[in-house]
Amino acid sequence: MKKKKTFFSRLRSWVMKLLLIMFAGSILAVLIARFVPVYFTPLMFIRAAESVFSGEKPTFERNWTSIHNISPNMIQAVVASEDNLFLEHNGFSFNDIEKAIEHNKKGKRIRGGSTISQQTAKNVFLWPHRSWIRKGLEAYFTVLIEFFWTKQRIMEVYLNVAETGDGMYGVQAAAENYFDKDAKNLSKSQSALIAVCLPNPRKFNPAKPSSYIQRRKNQIVSLMGKLKQVEFD
């Protein structure tokens, strides 16, 4: 019995130390990403592995761009499309989560309730496939980035790491490939087209929008004019 207690005591001590190391490491990672451009994410490595297993050469098209060199239209478009209350919430929009649950119960096209903060946390620190474990970690990292980062930094990282096409990441790469211009020169219409394709960027093409994407684009452009303008220093 004494040996068992010693074993379990050591196991508990080891687990506690491991959890402490993981906690400290997560905070350190978030702090580093607060100031350093995020050039690689788990999704990028996953896509690269998928390409290798398919016998193709992995491609990475990404150009880190300061938020000050991204069109205000692009910022406004993703807020209108993804997260109307981005500046007001602390990382979670429970109203949108409830709406998504009710929508998905009807068995229609799956609708997410994640905020831009949650998507940024997932994109930078986690993997894309849904599970309760990932959602729990996503909530944890969302709390961390909302605490340690500014809203401006969250938006900047989101617009630089979001998948915008096959092997393409960030709105600068999207602007160059789809519209042959810099992200700072995107129009309202072009910004809305990129924004509405973000949920499935490898299926939809902003430069060759389907009738569905065109309708969604028109809705987003209309909403962009109604929402309060998102401005950063």
Protein backbone atom coordinates (compact mmCIF):
# COMPACT_ATOMS: atom_id res chain seq x y z
CA MET A 1 0.00 0.00 0.00
CA LYS A 2 2.85 2.35 0.86
CA LYS A 3 4.54 1.71 -2.49
CA LYS A 4 1.26 2.39 -4.30
CA LYS A 5 0.85 5.68 -2.50
CA THR A 6 4.40 6.61 -3.41
CA PHE A 7 3.80 5.73 -7.07
CA PHE A 8 0.56 7.70 -7.27
CA SER A 9 2.12 10.62 -5.43
CA ARG A 10 4.95 10.71 -7.95
CA LEU A 11 2.51 10.39 -10.82
CA ARG A 12 0.41 13.24 -9.49
CA SER A 13 3.53 15.37 -9.02
CA TRP A 14 4.67 14.59 -12.59
CA VAL A 15 1.26 15.45 -14.04
CA MET A 16 1.14 18.73 -12.08
CA LYS A 17 4.60 19.69 -13.33
CA LEU A 18 3.62 18.83 -16.90
CA LEU A 19 0.46 20.93 -16.66
CA LEU A 20 2.45 23.82 -15.21
CA ILE A 21 4.97 23.61 -18.05
CA MET A 22 2.17 23.51 -20.63
CA PHE A 23 0.44 26.48 -19.00
CA ALA A 24 3.64 28.53 -18.91
CA GLY A 25 4.46 27.51 -22.47
CA SER A 26 1.06 28.55 -23.77
CA ILE A 27 1.35 31.98 -22.17
CA LEU A 28 4.86 32.41 -23.57
CA ALA A 29 3.65 31.44 -27.06
CA VAL A 30 0.80 33.96 -26.86
CA LEU A 31 3.15 36.71 -25.66
CA ILE A 32 5.62 36.04 -28.48
CA ALA A 33 2.83 36.08 -31.08
CA ARG A 34 1.72 39.42 -29.64
CA PHE A 35 4.83 41.06 -31.09
CA VAL A 36 6.29 38.73 -33.72
CA PRO A 37 4.71 38.07 -37.15
CA VAL A 38 3.10 34.63 -37.36
CA TYR A 39 4.63 33.03 -40.44
CA PHE A 40 3.61 29.42 -39.82
CA THR A 41 0.52 27.85 -38.28
CA PRO A 42 -0.57 24.25 -37.63
CA LEU A 43 -2.94 24.42 -40.61
CA MET A 44 -0.08 25.32 -42.93
CA PHE A 45 1.85 22.22 -41.85
CA ILE A 46 -1.29 20.07 -42.20
CA ARG A 47 -1.92 21.35 -45.73
CA ALA A 48 1.74 20.76 -46.60
CA ALA A 49 1.53 17.17 -45.32
CA GLU A 50 -1.67 16.61 -47.31
CA SER A 51 0.10 17.81 -50.45
CA VAL A 52 3.09 15.53 -49.85
CA PHE A 53 0.86 12.49 -49.30
CA SER A 54 -0.98 13.38 -52.52
CA GLY A 55 2.29 13.46 -54.41
CA GLU A 56 2.20 17.22 -54.89
CA LYS A 57 4.68 19.91 -53.96
CA PRO A 58 3.56 21.98 -50.93
CA THR A 59 2.94 25.65 -51.64
CA PHE A 60 2.96 28.58 -49.24
CA GLU A 61 1.78 31.94 -50.49
CA ARG A 62 1.75 34.42 -47.65
CA ASN A 63 2.97 37.97 -47.22
CA TRP A 64 2.78 39.32 -43.68
CA THR A 65 1.32 42.82 -43.89
CA SER A 66 0.85 45.42 -41.18
CA ILE A 67 -2.77 46.21 -40.49
CA HIS A 68 -1.99 49.79 -41.49
CA ASN A 69 -1.32 48.47 -45.01
CA ILE A 70 -4.63 46.63 -45.23
CA SER A 71 -7.66 48.44 -46.60
CA PRO A 72 -10.23 49.54 -44.00
CA ASN A 73 -12.73 47.97 -46.43
CA MET A 74 -11.19 44.56 -45.75
CA ILE A 75 -11.40 45.01 -41.99
CA GLN A 76 -15.00 46.18 -42.24
CA ALA A 77 -15.87 43.28 -44.54
CA VAL A 78 -14.66 40.53 -42.20
CA VAL A 79 -16.43 42.17 -39.26
CA ALA A 80 -19.66 42.36 -41.27
CA SER A 81 -19.28 38.79 -42.50
CA GLU A 82 -17.83 37.03 -39.46
CA ASP A 83 -18.28 38.99 -36.26
CA ASN A 84 -20.50 42.10 -36.02
CA LEU A 85 -19.67 42.62 -32.33
CA PHE A 86 -15.90 42.17 -32.64
CA LEU A 87 -15.04 45.41 -30.82
CA GLU A 88 -17.63 44.88 -28.09
CA HIS A 89 -17.24 41.29 -26.89
CA ASN A 90 -14.42 39.73 -24.86
CA GLY A 91 -13.80 36.90 -27.28
CA PHE A 92 -17.17 35.13 -27.26
CA SER A 93 -20.57 36.02 -28.70
CA PHE A 94 -23.07 33.81 -26.90
CA ASN A 95 -25.91 35.23 -28.96
CA ASP A 96 -24.25 34.05 -32.18
CA ILE A 97 -23.49 30.66 -30.62
CA GLU A 98 -27.18 30.19 -29.75
CA LYS A 99 -28.22 31.22 -33.27
CA ALA A 100 -25.72 28.75 -34.77
CA ILE A 101 -27.03 25.92 -32.60
CA GLU A 102 -30.63 26.63 -33.59
CA HIS A 103 -29.67 26.92 -37.26
CA ASN A 104 -27.73 23.64 -37.24
CA LYS A 105 -30.61 21.79 -35.55
CA LYS A 106 -32.61 22.34 -38.74
CA GLY A 107 -30.12 20.20 -40.64
CA LYS A 108 -29.19 22.89 -43.14
CA ARG A 109 -25.74 24.16 -44.13
CA ILE A 110 -23.55 24.01 -40.99
CA ARG A 111 -23.14 27.46 -39.49
CA GLY A 112 -20.44 28.38 -37.00
CA GLY A 113 -20.78 30.75 -34.09
CA SER A 114 -17.10 31.51 -33.62
CA THR A 115 -15.89 35.09 -33.26
CA ILE A 116 -12.84 36.47 -35.04
CA SER A 117 -10.97 36.07 -31.74
CA GLN A 118 -11.87 32.37 -31.56
CA GLN A 119 -10.92 31.82 -35.19
CA THR A 120 -7.59 33.56 -34.62
CA ALA A 121 -6.87 31.40 -31.56
CA LYS A 122 -7.67 28.27 -33.59
CA ASN A 123 -5.70 29.35 -36.65
CA VAL A 124 -2.54 30.27 -34.75
CA PHE A 125 -2.34 27.66 -32.00
CA LEU A 126 -4.55 24.69 -32.90
CA TRP A 127 -5.71 22.29 -35.60
CA PRO A 128 -8.81 22.77 -37.81
CA HIS A 129 -10.76 19.55 -37.18
CA ARG A 130 -13.68 19.87 -34.78
CA SER A 131 -13.70 18.10 -31.44
CA TRP A 132 -14.63 18.92 -27.87
CA ILE A 133 -10.95 18.94 -26.90
CA ARG A 134 -10.09 21.43 -29.61
CA LYS A 135 -13.07 23.63 -28.74
CA GLY A 136 -11.98 23.64 -25.12
CA LEU A 137 -8.42 24.61 -26.03
CA GLU A 138 -9.80 27.19 -28.46
CA ALA A 139 -11.75 28.81 -25.62
CA TYR A 140 -8.61 28.78 -23.46
CA PHE A 141 -6.43 30.45 -26.09
CA THR A 142 -9.22 32.91 -26.91
CA VAL A 143 -9.20 34.08 -23.29
CA LEU A 144 -5.40 34.44 -23.44
CA ILE A 145 -5.26 36.48 -26.63
CA GLU A 146 -8.11 38.71 -25.50
CA PHE A 147 -6.17 39.36 -22.30
CA PHE A 148 -2.64 39.78 -23.71
CA TRP A 149 -3.36 41.16 -27.18
CA THR A 150 -5.24 44.21 -28.38
CA LYS A 151 -8.21 44.02 -30.72
CA GLN A 152 -5.99 45.57 -33.37
CA ARG A 153 -3.43 42.77 -32.99
CA ILE A 154 -6.12 40.08 -33.10
CA MET A 155 -7.47 41.54 -36.35
CA GLU A 156 -3.98 41.93 -37.81
CA VAL A 157 -3.05 38.32 -37.11
CA TYR A 158 -6.41 37.03 -38.35
CA LEU A 159 -6.08 38.86 -41.67
CA ASN A 160 -2.56 37.49 -42.12
CA VAL A 161 -3.01 33.82 -41.25
CA ALA A 162 -6.54 33.01 -42.43
CA GLU A 163 -6.59 30.50 -45.29
CA THR A 164 -7.64 32.38 -48.43
CA GLY A 165 -7.11 29.72 -51.09
CA ASP A 166 -5.29 26.50 -51.89
CA GLY A 167 -1.85 27.02 -50.34
CA MET A 168 -2.66 30.69 -49.82
CA TYR A 169 -2.81 32.53 -46.48
CA GLY A 170 -3.66 36.10 -45.59
CA VAL A 171 -5.46 38.88 -47.41
CA GLN A 172 -2.31 40.29 -49.01
CA ALA A 173 -1.74 37.04 -50.91
CA ALA A 174 -5.46 36.95 -51.77
CA ALA A 175 -5.43 40.52 -53.06
CA GLU A 176 -2.39 39.83 -55.24
CA ASN A 177 -3.65 36.52 -56.65
CA TYR A 178 -7.33 37.34 -57.16
CA PHE A 179 -7.27 41.06 -57.96
CA ASP A 180 -3.64 41.84 -58.87
CA LYS A 181 -3.30 44.57 -56.24
CA ASP A 182 -2.10 45.19 -52.69
CA ALA A 183 -4.42 44.61 -49.75
CA LYS A 184 -4.38 48.33 -48.97
CA ASN A 185 -6.10 49.05 -52.30
CA LEU A 186 -8.99 46.58 -52.04
CA SER A 187 -12.41 48.02 -52.80
CA LYS A 188 -15.55 47.31 -50.77
CA SER A 189 -16.74 44.77 -53.31
CA GLN A 190 -13.38 42.97 -53.52
CA SER A 191 -13.02 42.93 -49.74
CA ALA A 192 -16.50 41.48 -49.34
CA LEU A 193 -15.78 38.80 -51.93
CA ILE A 194 -12.67 37.68 -50.02
CA ALA A 195 -14.54 37.79 -46.72
CA VAL A 196 -17.50 35.67 -47.83
CA CYS A 197 -15.14 33.01 -49.22
CA LEU A 198 -13.21 32.60 -45.94
CA PRO A 199 -15.44 29.81 -44.54
CA ASN A 200 -14.45 27.62 -47.51
CA PRO A 201 -11.56 29.31 -49.35
CA ARG A 202 -10.48 26.22 -51.28
CA LYS A 203 -13.95 25.78 -52.78
CA PHE A 204 -14.89 29.39 -53.55
CA ASN A 205 -12.92 31.81 -55.70
CA PRO A 206 -13.39 35.57 -55.07
CA ALA A 207 -12.25 36.34 -58.62
CA LYS A 208 -14.82 33.92 -60.10
CA PRO A 209 -17.75 34.16 -57.71
CA SER A 210 -20.75 31.87 -57.99
CA SER A 211 -24.27 33.30 -57.84
CA TYR A 212 -24.37 32.35 -54.14
CA ILE A 213 -21.14 34.25 -53.43
CA GLN A 214 -22.40 37.24 -55.39
CA ARG A 215 -25.57 37.35 -53.28
CA ARG A 216 -23.59 37.04 -50.07
CA LYS A 217 -21.20 39.74 -51.28
CA ASN A 218 -24.05 42.15 -51.89
CA GLN A 219 -25.42 41.44 -48.42
CA ILE A 220 -22.03 42.07 -46.82
CA VAL A 221 -21.43 45.31 -48.73
CA SER A 222 -24.85 46.54 -47.57
CA LEU A 223 -24.10 45.57 -43.96
CA MET A 224 -20.66 47.21 -44.10
CA GLY A 225 -22.35 50.56 -44.60
CA LYS A 226 -24.69 50.04 -41.64
CA LEU A 227 -22.14 48.91 -39.07
CA LYS A 228 -20.01 51.31 -37.08
CA GLN A 229 -16.69 51.84 -38.83
CA VAL A 230 -13.90 49.75 -37.27
CA GLU A 231 -10.92 52.02 -36.69
CA PHE A 232 -7.52 51.37 -35.14
CA ASP A 233 -4.71 53.75 -34.18
